[in-house]
Amino acid sequence: MFKINKVGLILKGDNNKKGDNFFKGWHIKIKIHPKNIGYYILYTHPIKVGYGFDDWVQNYEALKKYFEEGRKRKNLEVDWNFEEKGKFNIIKKYQNKILGTIDYKISAKNKITIEDLINLEKLKSFLYKMDCFEASLTETGLEFLVEYYGLDQIFDIITEEIKKGVNYKYSERKDLLKWLKRLGIPE
């Protein structure tokens, strides 16, 4: 039916009376409201960073009804397992490639590979080192981050770290996204 805290790929979804398949290819994610007072339904464009909209329902029963009505009235069809299918192929694509470097080490261990960036704790450490000018992301590394996580998810990871007290130079969404797009190299 639907999955909470997972990204789904919209396969079909009419948004008007003509039956245009406007949302096909968009991503959808259901998140529990931080105060546990309902659910956010987030729609994001797969390429245009920050382009999308959200919806909200009060409880789980309303969430079920939202998707039942979506299937009936808007022909909504979502693949909730597309991430797992695609992530394996992304990992395979970037295997044995240098995705970044630790700039203060001169050794074989200064190279950042796929194993470092799919591990969430290592990724957080690497992002912080980039912010402190101790690490660099390669162009291939940026491509991997965009494909595997998406810049919005990277932003969410950094934002969570900031909330925990980690001090990043950039804390505004637009600045962080610009920073990531510049391969972590400050102006």
N, C-alpha and C. Protein backbone atom coordinates (compact mmCIF):
# COMPACT_ATOMS: atom_id res chain seq x y z
N MET A 1 0.83 -1.19 0.00
CA MET A 1 0.00 0.00 0.00
C MET A 1 0.87 1.26 0.00
N PHE A 2 1.57 1.56 1.09
CA PHE A 2 2.51 2.66 1.16
C PHE A 2 3.52 2.35 2.25
N LYS A 3 4.63 3.06 2.23
CA LYS A 3 5.68 2.83 3.23
C LYS A 3 6.10 4.17 3.82
N ILE A 4 6.25 4.18 5.13
CA ILE A 4 6.64 5.40 5.85
C ILE A 4 8.17 5.49 5.90
N ASN A 5 8.68 6.69 5.73
CA ASN A 5 10.12 7.00 5.76
C ASN A 5 10.91 6.30 4.65
N LYS A 6 10.25 6.01 3.54
CA LYS A 6 10.92 5.46 2.36
C LYS A 6 10.55 6.32 1.18
N VAL A 7 11.47 6.48 0.26
CA VAL A 7 11.19 7.23 -0.95
C VAL A 7 10.54 6.29 -1.95
N GLY A 8 9.43 6.73 -2.52
CA GLY A 8 8.76 5.98 -3.56
C GLY A 8 8.87 6.72 -4.89
N LEU A 9 8.80 5.97 -5.97
CA LEU A 9 8.83 6.55 -7.31
C LEU A 9 7.41 6.51 -7.86
N ILE A 10 6.88 7.67 -8.26
CA ILE A 10 5.53 7.72 -8.80
C ILE A 10 5.56 7.21 -10.24
N LEU A 11 4.84 6.11 -10.47
CA LEU A 11 4.78 5.51 -11.80
C LEU A 11 3.66 6.11 -12.62
N LYS A 12 2.56 6.47 -11.96
CA LYS A 12 1.41 7.11 -12.61
C LYS A 12 0.78 8.04 -11.58
N GLY A 13 0.18 9.12 -12.07
CA GLY A 13 -0.52 10.02 -11.17
C GLY A 13 -1.09 11.21 -11.91
N ASP A 14 -2.42 11.20 -12.15
CA ASP A 14 -3.07 12.31 -12.83
C ASP A 14 -3.25 13.46 -11.85
N ASN A 15 -3.10 14.69 -12.34
CA ASN A 15 -3.34 15.81 -11.44
C ASN A 15 -4.40 16.74 -11.99
N ASN A 16 -5.05 16.36 -13.07
CA ASN A 16 -6.13 17.20 -13.58
C ASN A 16 -7.17 16.35 -14.30
N LYS A 17 -8.24 17.01 -14.76
CA LYS A 17 -9.35 16.29 -15.40
C LYS A 17 -8.98 15.71 -16.76
N LYS A 18 -7.94 16.25 -17.40
CA LYS A 18 -7.51 15.74 -18.70
C LYS A 18 -6.79 14.40 -18.56
N GLY A 19 -6.35 14.07 -17.35
CA GLY A 19 -5.65 12.81 -17.14
C GLY A 19 -4.16 12.90 -17.42
N ASP A 20 -3.62 14.12 -17.44
CA ASP A 20 -2.17 14.27 -17.64
C ASP A 20 -1.41 13.51 -16.57
N ASN A 21 -0.35 12.86 -16.96
CA ASN A 21 0.47 12.08 -16.04
C ASN A 21 1.59 12.97 -15.49
N PHE A 22 1.20 14.09 -14.90
CA PHE A 22 2.13 15.14 -14.48
C PHE A 22 3.17 14.68 -13.48
N PHE A 23 2.81 13.83 -12.53
CA PHE A 23 3.72 13.46 -11.46
C PHE A 23 4.54 12.21 -11.75
N LYS A 24 4.40 11.64 -12.91
CA LYS A 24 5.18 10.45 -13.26
C LYS A 24 6.67 10.77 -13.15
N GLY A 25 7.40 9.91 -12.42
CA GLY A 25 8.84 10.10 -12.25
C GLY A 25 9.21 10.91 -11.01
N TRP A 26 8.23 11.55 -10.39
CA TRP A 26 8.50 12.30 -9.16
C TRP A 26 8.73 11.33 -8.01
N HIS A 27 9.34 11.83 -6.93
CA HIS A 27 9.54 11.03 -5.73
C HIS A 27 8.51 11.44 -4.69
N ILE A 28 8.13 10.48 -3.87
CA ILE A 28 7.17 10.73 -2.80
C ILE A 28 7.71 10.08 -1.53
N LYS A 29 7.54 10.77 -0.41
CA LYS A 29 7.99 10.22 0.87
C LYS A 29 7.00 10.62 1.95
N ILE A 30 6.71 9.68 2.83
CA ILE A 30 5.83 9.94 3.97
C ILE A 30 6.71 10.05 5.21
N LYS A 31 6.57 11.15 5.93
CA LYS A 31 7.34 11.33 7.16
C LYS A 31 6.37 11.59 8.31
N ILE A 32 6.70 11.03 9.45
CA ILE A 32 5.90 11.28 10.65
C ILE A 32 6.24 12.69 11.14
N HIS A 33 5.20 13.44 11.48
CA HIS A 33 5.42 14.79 12.02
C HIS A 33 6.29 14.69 13.27
N PRO A 34 7.28 15.59 13.44
CA PRO A 34 8.20 15.51 14.59
C PRO A 34 7.50 15.46 15.95
N LYS A 35 6.33 16.06 16.05
CA LYS A 35 5.59 16.04 17.33
C LYS A 35 4.56 14.92 17.36
N ASN A 36 4.67 14.00 16.37
CA ASN A 36 3.79 12.84 16.29
C ASN A 36 2.31 13.23 16.19
N ILE A 37 2.03 14.29 15.43
CA ILE A 37 0.64 14.75 15.28
C ILE A 37 0.15 14.62 13.84
N GLY A 38 0.64 13.62 13.15
CA GLY A 38 0.20 13.40 11.78
C GLY A 38 1.35 12.99 10.89
N TYR A 39 1.10 13.09 9.59
CA TYR A 39 2.07 12.64 8.59
C TYR A 39 2.21 13.69 7.50
N TYR A 40 3.44 13.93 7.09
CA TYR A 40 3.71 14.75 5.92
C TYR A 40 3.83 13.82 4.72
N ILE A 41 3.28 14.24 3.60
CA ILE A 41 3.47 13.53 2.34
C ILE A 41 4.25 14.50 1.46
N LEU A 42 5.50 14.17 1.16
CA LEU A 42 6.38 15.07 0.44
C LEU A 42 6.54 14.61 -1.01
N TYR A 43 6.33 15.52 -1.94
CA TYR A 43 6.51 15.26 -3.36
C TYR A 43 7.71 16.08 -3.83
N THR A 44 8.70 15.43 -4.44
CA THR A 44 9.86 16.17 -4.93
C THR A 44 10.18 15.78 -6.36
N HIS A 45 10.65 16.77 -7.08
CA HIS A 45 11.07 16.54 -8.46
C HIS A 45 12.41 15.81 -8.43
N PRO A 46 12.63 14.81 -9.26
CA PRO A 46 13.85 14.02 -9.18
C PRO A 46 15.12 14.76 -9.62
N ILE A 47 14.97 15.84 -10.39
CA ILE A 47 16.14 16.54 -10.89
C ILE A 47 16.25 17.96 -10.33
N LYS A 48 15.15 18.67 -10.30
CA LYS A 48 15.16 20.06 -9.83
C LYS A 48 15.22 20.08 -8.31
N VAL A 49 16.39 20.39 -7.75
CA VAL A 49 16.59 20.39 -6.30
C VAL A 49 15.69 21.44 -5.66
N GLY A 50 14.97 21.03 -4.63
CA GLY A 50 14.11 21.94 -3.89
C GLY A 50 12.76 22.19 -4.54
N TYR A 51 12.47 21.54 -5.67
CA TYR A 51 11.22 21.75 -6.39
C TYR A 51 10.24 20.67 -5.97
N GLY A 52 9.13 21.06 -5.41
CA GLY A 52 8.14 20.09 -4.98
C GLY A 52 7.09 20.73 -4.10
N PHE A 53 6.35 19.91 -3.41
CA PHE A 53 5.31 20.40 -2.50
C PHE A 53 5.03 19.31 -1.47
N ASP A 54 4.21 19.65 -0.50
CA ASP A 54 3.87 18.64 0.50
C ASP A 54 2.38 18.67 0.79
N ASP A 55 1.96 17.66 1.49
CA ASP A 55 0.59 17.52 1.94
C ASP A 55 0.67 17.03 3.38
N TRP A 56 -0.42 17.06 4.10
CA TRP A 56 -0.41 16.64 5.50
C TRP A 56 -1.73 15.96 5.82
N VAL A 57 -1.65 14.88 6.61
CA VAL A 57 -2.85 14.23 7.13
C VAL A 57 -2.69 14.06 8.63
N GLN A 58 -3.82 14.01 9.32
CA GLN A 58 -3.83 14.06 10.78
C GLN A 58 -3.43 12.76 11.47
N ASN A 59 -3.76 11.60 10.86
CA ASN A 59 -3.48 10.33 11.52
C ASN A 59 -3.32 9.21 10.50
N TYR A 60 -3.05 8.01 10.99
CA TYR A 60 -2.78 6.87 10.12
C TYR A 60 -4.00 6.52 9.27
N GLU A 61 -5.20 6.58 9.86
CA GLU A 61 -6.42 6.27 9.10
C GLU A 61 -6.58 7.26 7.95
N ALA A 62 -6.30 8.53 8.20
CA ALA A 62 -6.39 9.55 7.15
C ALA A 62 -5.33 9.29 6.07
N LEU A 63 -4.17 8.80 6.48
CA LEU A 63 -3.11 8.49 5.54
C LEU A 63 -3.54 7.34 4.60
N LYS A 64 -4.15 6.31 5.18
CA LYS A 64 -4.66 5.19 4.37
C LYS A 64 -5.70 5.70 3.37
N LYS A 65 -6.59 6.54 3.84
CA LYS A 65 -7.65 7.09 2.99
C LYS A 65 -7.04 7.96 1.87
N TYR A 66 -6.02 8.72 2.19
CA TYR A 66 -5.33 9.58 1.23
C TYR A 66 -4.83 8.75 0.05
N PHE A 67 -4.20 7.61 0.33
CA PHE A 67 -3.65 6.78 -0.74
C PHE A 67 -4.73 5.97 -1.45
N GLU A 68 -5.77 5.57 -0.72
CA GLU A 68 -6.89 4.87 -1.39
C GLU A 68 -7.56 5.79 -2.39
N GLU A 69 -7.83 7.03 -1.97
CA GLU A 69 -8.45 8.01 -2.86
C GLU A 69 -7.50 8.37 -4.00
N GLY A 70 -6.23 8.46 -3.70
CA GLY A 70 -5.24 8.76 -4.73
C GLY A 70 -5.24 7.71 -5.83
N ARG A 71 -5.38 6.45 -5.43
CA ARG A 71 -5.42 5.36 -6.42
C ARG A 71 -6.71 5.44 -7.24
N LYS A 72 -7.82 5.73 -6.58
CA LYS A 72 -9.11 5.74 -7.28
C LYS A 72 -9.28 6.99 -8.15
N ARG A 73 -9.09 8.16 -7.57
CA ARG A 73 -9.39 9.40 -8.29
C ARG A 73 -8.24 9.91 -9.15
N LYS A 74 -7.02 9.69 -8.72
CA LYS A 74 -5.89 10.26 -9.44
C LYS A 74 -5.01 9.21 -10.12
N ASN A 75 -5.48 7.96 -10.07
CA ASN A 75 -4.75 6.89 -10.74
C ASN A 75 -3.31 6.78 -10.22
N LEU A 76 -3.12 7.06 -8.93
CA LEU A 76 -1.78 7.09 -8.34
C LEU A 76 -1.22 5.68 -8.19
N GLU A 77 -0.01 5.52 -8.71
CA GLU A 77 0.70 4.24 -8.58
C GLU A 77 2.14 4.55 -8.20
N VAL A 78 2.60 3.93 -7.11
CA VAL A 78 3.93 4.22 -6.57
C VAL A 78 4.73 2.93 -6.41
N ASP A 79 5.99 2.98 -6.82
CA ASP A 79 6.92 1.86 -6.58
C ASP A 79 7.69 2.20 -5.31
N TRP A 80 7.36 1.53 -4.22
CA TRP A 80 8.00 1.82 -2.93
C TRP A 80 9.32 1.07 -2.77
N ASN A 81 9.69 0.24 -3.72
CA ASN A 81 10.94 -0.51 -3.63
C ASN A 81 11.98 -0.07 -4.66
N PHE A 82 11.71 1.04 -5.35
CA PHE A 82 12.62 1.44 -6.41
C PHE A 82 14.01 1.79 -5.88
N GLU A 83 14.09 2.30 -4.66
CA GLU A 83 15.39 2.69 -4.10
C GLU A 83 16.33 1.50 -3.98
N GLU A 84 15.83 0.39 -3.46
CA GLU A 84 16.67 -0.79 -3.28
C GLU A 84 17.17 -1.31 -4.62
N LYS A 85 16.29 -1.31 -5.61
CA LYS A 85 16.68 -1.79 -6.94
C LYS A 85 17.78 -0.91 -7.52
N GLY A 86 17.59 0.39 -7.44
CA GLY A 86 18.52 1.32 -8.05
C GLY A 86 19.82 1.47 -7.28
N LYS A 87 19.78 1.40 -5.96
CA LYS A 87 20.98 1.64 -5.16
C LYS A 87 22.05 0.59 -5.42
N PHE A 88 21.65 -0.63 -5.61
CA PHE A 88 22.63 -1.69 -5.90
C PHE A 88 23.39 -1.35 -7.18
N ASN A 89 22.67 -0.92 -8.20
CA ASN A 89 23.32 -0.57 -9.47
C ASN A 89 24.19 0.67 -9.34
N ILE A 90 23.79 1.61 -8.52
CA ILE A 90 24.60 2.82 -8.30
C ILE A 90 25.91 2.43 -7.62
N ILE A 91 25.83 1.58 -6.60
CA ILE A 91 27.04 1.13 -5.90
C ILE A 91 27.98 0.43 -6.88
N LYS A 92 27.42 -0.43 -7.71
CA LYS A 92 28.22 -1.15 -8.69
C LYS A 92 28.90 -0.18 -9.67
N LYS A 93 28.19 0.84 -10.07
CA LYS A 93 28.70 1.82 -11.03
C LYS A 93 29.92 2.58 -10.49
N TYR A 94 29.92 2.87 -9.17
CA TYR A 94 30.99 3.68 -8.59
C TYR A 94 32.04 2.85 -7.85
N GLN A 95 31.91 1.53 -7.91
CA GLN A 95 32.90 0.65 -7.29
C GLN A 95 34.27 0.94 -7.88
N ASN A 96 35.31 0.92 -7.05
CA ASN A 96 36.70 1.12 -7.48
C ASN A 96 37.00 2.51 -8.03
N LYS A 97 36.16 3.50 -7.71
CA LYS A 97 36.43 4.87 -8.14
C LYS A 97 36.77 5.72 -6.92
N ILE A 98 37.60 6.71 -7.13
CA ILE A 98 37.94 7.64 -6.04
C ILE A 98 36.88 8.73 -6.03
N LEU A 99 36.18 8.83 -4.90
CA LEU A 99 35.08 9.78 -4.78
C LEU A 99 35.47 11.03 -4.00
N GLY A 100 36.59 10.96 -3.31
CA GLY A 100 37.07 12.10 -2.56
C GLY A 100 38.42 11.80 -1.96
N THR A 101 38.99 12.79 -1.27
CA THR A 101 40.28 12.59 -0.60
C THR A 101 40.27 13.29 0.76
N ILE A 102 41.05 12.73 1.66
CA ILE A 102 41.34 13.39 2.93
C ILE A 102 42.64 14.14 2.66
N ASP A 103 42.61 15.44 2.76
CA ASP A 103 43.72 16.26 2.28
C ASP A 103 44.91 16.36 3.22
N TYR A 104 44.74 16.01 4.47
CA TYR A 104 45.86 16.15 5.40
C TYR A 104 46.63 14.84 5.58
N LYS A 105 46.24 13.77 4.89
CA LYS A 105 46.94 12.48 4.99
C LYS A 105 47.62 12.18 3.66
N ILE A 106 48.84 11.75 3.74
CA ILE A 106 49.54 11.32 2.53
C ILE A 106 49.78 9.82 2.68
N SER A 107 48.79 9.06 2.23
CA SER A 107 48.87 7.61 2.28
C SER A 107 47.75 7.04 1.42
N ALA A 108 47.74 5.75 1.28
CA ALA A 108 46.69 5.10 0.48
C ALA A 108 45.32 5.27 1.14
N LYS A 109 45.30 5.51 2.45
CA LYS A 109 44.03 5.64 3.17
C LYS A 109 43.42 7.03 3.03
N ASN A 110 44.06 7.92 2.26
CA ASN A 110 43.49 9.24 2.11
C ASN A 110 42.42 9.27 1.01
N LYS A 111 42.25 8.18 0.31
CA LYS A 111 41.26 8.12 -0.77
C LYS A 111 39.90 7.67 -0.22
N ILE A 112 38.86 8.38 -0.64
CA ILE A 112 37.50 8.07 -0.23
C ILE A 112 36.85 7.26 -1.35
N THR A 113 36.29 6.11 -0.97
CA THR A 113 35.66 5.22 -1.94
C THR A 113 34.19 5.01 -1.59
N ILE A 114 33.55 4.20 -2.38
CA ILE A 114 32.14 3.90 -2.18
C ILE A 114 31.84 3.38 -0.78
N GLU A 115 32.75 2.56 -0.25
CA GLU A 115 32.54 1.98 1.08
C GLU A 115 32.46 3.08 2.15
N ASP A 116 33.19 4.18 1.94
CA ASP A 116 33.17 5.28 2.90
C ASP A 116 31.87 6.07 2.83
N LEU A 117 31.34 6.25 1.63
CA LEU A 117 30.19 7.15 1.47
C LEU A 117 28.84 6.46 1.59
N ILE A 118 28.80 5.12 1.59
CA ILE A 118 27.51 4.46 1.83
C ILE A 118 27.32 4.18 3.32
N ASN A 119 28.39 4.33 4.10
CA ASN A 119 28.31 4.20 5.56
C ASN A 119 27.95 5.57 6.11
N LEU A 120 26.78 5.68 6.73
CA LEU A 120 26.26 6.98 7.17
C LEU A 120 27.19 7.71 8.12
N GLU A 121 27.78 7.00 9.07
CA GLU A 121 28.68 7.66 10.02
C GLU A 121 29.94 8.17 9.34
N LYS A 122 30.49 7.37 8.42
CA LYS A 122 31.68 7.81 7.68
C LYS A 122 31.33 8.99 6.76
N LEU A 123 30.13 8.95 6.16
CA LEU A 123 29.68 10.05 5.32
C LEU A 123 29.60 11.34 6.12
N LYS A 124 29.00 11.26 7.31
CA LYS A 124 28.88 12.46 8.17
C LYS A 124 30.27 13.01 8.49
N SER A 125 31.19 12.14 8.83
CA SER A 125 32.56 12.56 9.15
C SER A 125 33.21 13.22 7.93
N PHE A 126 33.04 12.62 6.76
CA PHE A 126 33.62 13.17 5.53
C PHE A 126 33.04 14.54 5.21
N LEU A 127 31.72 14.69 5.34
CA LEU A 127 31.09 15.98 5.06
C LEU A 127 31.63 17.06 6.00
N TYR A 128 31.81 16.68 7.26
CA TYR A 128 32.34 17.65 8.22
C TYR A 128 33.78 18.02 7.88
N LYS A 129 34.57 17.03 7.49
CA LYS A 129 35.96 17.30 7.08
C LYS A 129 36.00 18.21 5.86
N MET A 130 35.04 18.03 4.95
CA MET A 130 34.96 18.93 3.79
C MET A 130 34.68 20.35 4.26
N ASP A 131 33.78 20.48 5.22
CA ASP A 131 33.43 21.81 5.73
C ASP A 131 34.62 22.46 6.42
N CYS A 132 35.49 21.66 7.01
CA CYS A 132 36.69 22.17 7.71
C CYS A 132 37.90 22.26 6.77
N PHE A 133 37.68 22.08 5.46
CA PHE A 133 38.76 22.15 4.46
C PHE A 133 39.80 21.05 4.63
N GLU A 134 39.42 19.93 5.22
CA GLU A 134 40.35 18.81 5.42
C GLU A 134 40.10 17.68 4.42
N ALA A 135 39.06 17.82 3.60
CA ALA A 135 38.72 16.79 2.63
C ALA A 135 38.13 17.46 1.39
N SER A 136 38.23 16.75 0.28
CA SER A 136 37.68 17.24 -0.99
C SER A 136 36.86 16.15 -1.64
N LEU A 137 35.86 16.57 -2.35
CA LEU A 137 35.00 15.67 -3.09
C LEU A 137 35.40 15.75 -4.57
N THR A 138 35.53 14.62 -5.22
CA THR A 138 35.82 14.65 -6.66
C THR A 138 34.51 14.89 -7.41
N GLU A 139 34.62 15.19 -8.69
CA GLU A 139 33.43 15.37 -9.51
C GLU A 139 32.63 14.06 -9.53
N THR A 140 33.33 12.94 -9.61
CA THR A 140 32.68 11.63 -9.57
C THR A 140 31.99 11.42 -8.22
N GLY A 141 32.62 11.90 -7.15
CA GLY A 141 32.03 11.80 -5.83
C GLY A 141 30.72 12.57 -5.72
N LEU A 142 30.71 13.77 -6.31
CA LEU A 142 29.48 14.56 -6.31
C LEU A 142 28.39 13.85 -7.09
N GLU A 143 28.75 13.30 -8.24
CA GLU A 143 27.77 12.54 -9.05
C GLU A 143 27.19 11.39 -8.22
N PHE A 144 28.07 10.69 -7.48
CA PHE A 144 27.60 9.59 -6.65
C PHE A 144 26.62 10.09 -5.59
N LEU A 145 26.99 11.15 -4.87
CA LEU A 145 26.11 11.67 -3.81
C LEU A 145 24.75 12.06 -4.36
N VAL A 146 24.73 12.70 -5.52
CA VAL A 146 23.47 13.10 -6.14
C VAL A 146 22.64 11.88 -6.52
N GLU A 147 23.28 10.89 -7.12
CA GLU A 147 22.56 9.68 -7.55
C GLU A 147 22.08 8.83 -6.37
N TYR A 148 22.96 8.63 -5.40
CA TYR A 148 22.67 7.69 -4.32
C TYR A 148 21.77 8.30 -3.24
N TYR A 149 22.08 9.53 -2.85
CA TYR A 149 21.33 10.17 -1.77
C TYR A 149 20.39 11.27 -2.27
N GLY A 150 20.87 12.06 -3.24
CA GLY A 150 20.16 13.28 -3.63
C GLY A 150 20.63 14.40 -2.73
N LEU A 151 20.75 15.59 -3.27
CA LEU A 151 21.26 16.72 -2.48
C LEU A 151 20.33 17.06 -1.32
N ASP A 152 19.03 16.85 -1.51
CA ASP A 152 18.10 17.13 -0.41
C ASP A 152 18.38 16.24 0.80
N GLN A 153 18.67 14.96 0.56
CA GLN A 153 18.96 14.06 1.69
C GLN A 153 20.29 14.42 2.34
N ILE A 154 21.28 14.81 1.55
CA ILE A 154 22.56 15.25 2.12
C ILE A 154 22.32 16.47 2.99
N PHE A 155 21.50 17.39 2.50
CA PHE A 155 21.16 18.57 3.29
C PHE A 155 20.50 18.15 4.61
N ASP A 156 19.57 17.20 4.54
CA ASP A 156 18.90 16.73 5.76
C ASP A 156 19.89 16.12 6.75
N ILE A 157 20.87 15.37 6.25
CA ILE A 157 21.90 14.76 7.11
C ILE A 157 22.71 15.85 7.81
N ILE A 158 23.13 16.86 7.06
CA ILE A 158 23.91 17.96 7.65
C ILE A 158 23.06 18.74 8.64
N THR A 159 21.81 18.98 8.30
CA THR A 159 20.91 19.71 9.21
C THR A 159 20.75 18.97 10.53
N GLU A 160 20.62 17.65 10.48
CA GLU A 160 20.51 16.85 11.71
C GLU A 160 21.78 16.98 12.55
N GLU A 161 22.93 17.00 11.89
CA GLU A 161 24.20 17.16 12.60
C GLU A 161 24.28 18.55 13.25
N ILE A 162 23.81 19.57 12.55
CA ILE A 162 23.79 20.94 13.10
C ILE A 162 22.91 20.98 14.34
N LYS A 163 21.75 20.31 14.28
CA LYS A 163 20.84 20.26 15.43
C LYS A 163 21.50 19.60 16.64
N LYS A 164 22.44 18.66 16.38
CA LYS A 164 23.15 17.96 17.45
C LYS A 164 24.32 18.79 17.97
N GLY A 165 24.56 19.96 17.38
CA GLY A 165 25.63 20.82 17.86
C GLY A 165 26.89 20.85 17.01
N VAL A 166 26.89 20.11 15.90
CA VAL A 166 28.06 20.13 15.01
C VAL A 166 28.06 21.48 14.30
N ASN A 167 29.21 22.12 14.28
CA ASN A 167 29.30 23.47 13.75
C ASN A 167 29.74 23.45 12.29
N TYR A 168 28.79 23.70 11.38
CA TYR A 168 29.08 23.80 9.96
C TYR A 168 29.15 25.27 9.57
N LYS A 169 30.02 25.58 8.61
CA LYS A 169 30.15 26.96 8.13
C LYS A 169 28.84 27.42 7.52
N TYR A 170 28.20 26.54 6.75
CA TYR A 170 26.95 26.88 6.10
C TYR A 170 25.81 26.15 6.79
N SER A 171 24.82 26.89 7.23
CA SER A 171 23.68 26.23 7.88
C SER A 171 22.37 26.50 7.15
N GLU A 172 22.39 27.44 6.20
CA GLU A 172 21.19 27.72 5.41
C GLU A 172 21.14 26.75 4.24
N ARG A 173 19.95 26.30 3.92
CA ARG A 173 19.75 25.32 2.86
C ARG A 173 20.41 25.76 1.54
N LYS A 174 20.14 26.99 1.11
CA LYS A 174 20.67 27.45 -0.18
C LYS A 174 22.19 27.48 -0.18
N ASP A 175 22.79 27.87 0.95
CA ASP A 175 24.26 27.92 1.03
C ASP A 175 24.87 26.52 1.04
N LEU A 176 24.23 25.60 1.78
CA LEU A 176 24.73 24.22 1.82
C LEU A 176 24.64 23.56 0.44
N LEU A 177 23.52 23.78 -0.25
CA LEU A 177 23.38 23.17 -1.57
C LEU A 177 24.38 23.76 -2.55
N LYS A 178 24.61 25.07 -2.49
CA LYS A 178 25.64 25.69 -3.35
C LYS A 178 27.01 25.11 -3.04
N TRP A 179 27.31 24.96 -1.73
CA TRP A 179 28.58 24.42 -1.28
C TRP A 179 28.79 23.01 -1.83
N LEU A 180 27.77 22.18 -1.71
CA LEU A 180 27.87 20.81 -2.22
C LEU A 180 28.06 20.80 -3.74
N LYS A 181 27.35 21.66 -4.43
CA LYS A 181 27.47 21.71 -5.88
C LYS A 181 28.85 22.20 -6.31
N ARG A 182 29.51 22.97 -5.49
CA ARG A 182 30.87 23.44 -5.81
C ARG A 182 31.91 22.41 -5.40
N LEU A 183 31.48 21.19 -5.18
CA LEU A 183 32.38 20.09 -4.78
C LEU A 183 33.03 20.33 -3.42
N GLY A 184 32.36 21.12 -2.60
CA GLY A 184 32.89 21.34 -1.26
C GLY A 184 34.03 22.34 -1.20
N ILE A 185 34.31 22.98 -2.29
CA ILE A 185 35.42 23.95 -2.30
C ILE A 185 34.83 25.32 -1.98
N PRO A 186 35.26 25.95 -0.88
CA PRO A 186 34.69 27.24 -0.49
C PRO A 186 35.05 28.34 -1.48
N GLU A 187 34.26 29.40 -1.48
CA GLU A 187 34.55 30.55 -2.36
C GLU A 187 35.76 31.29 -1.88
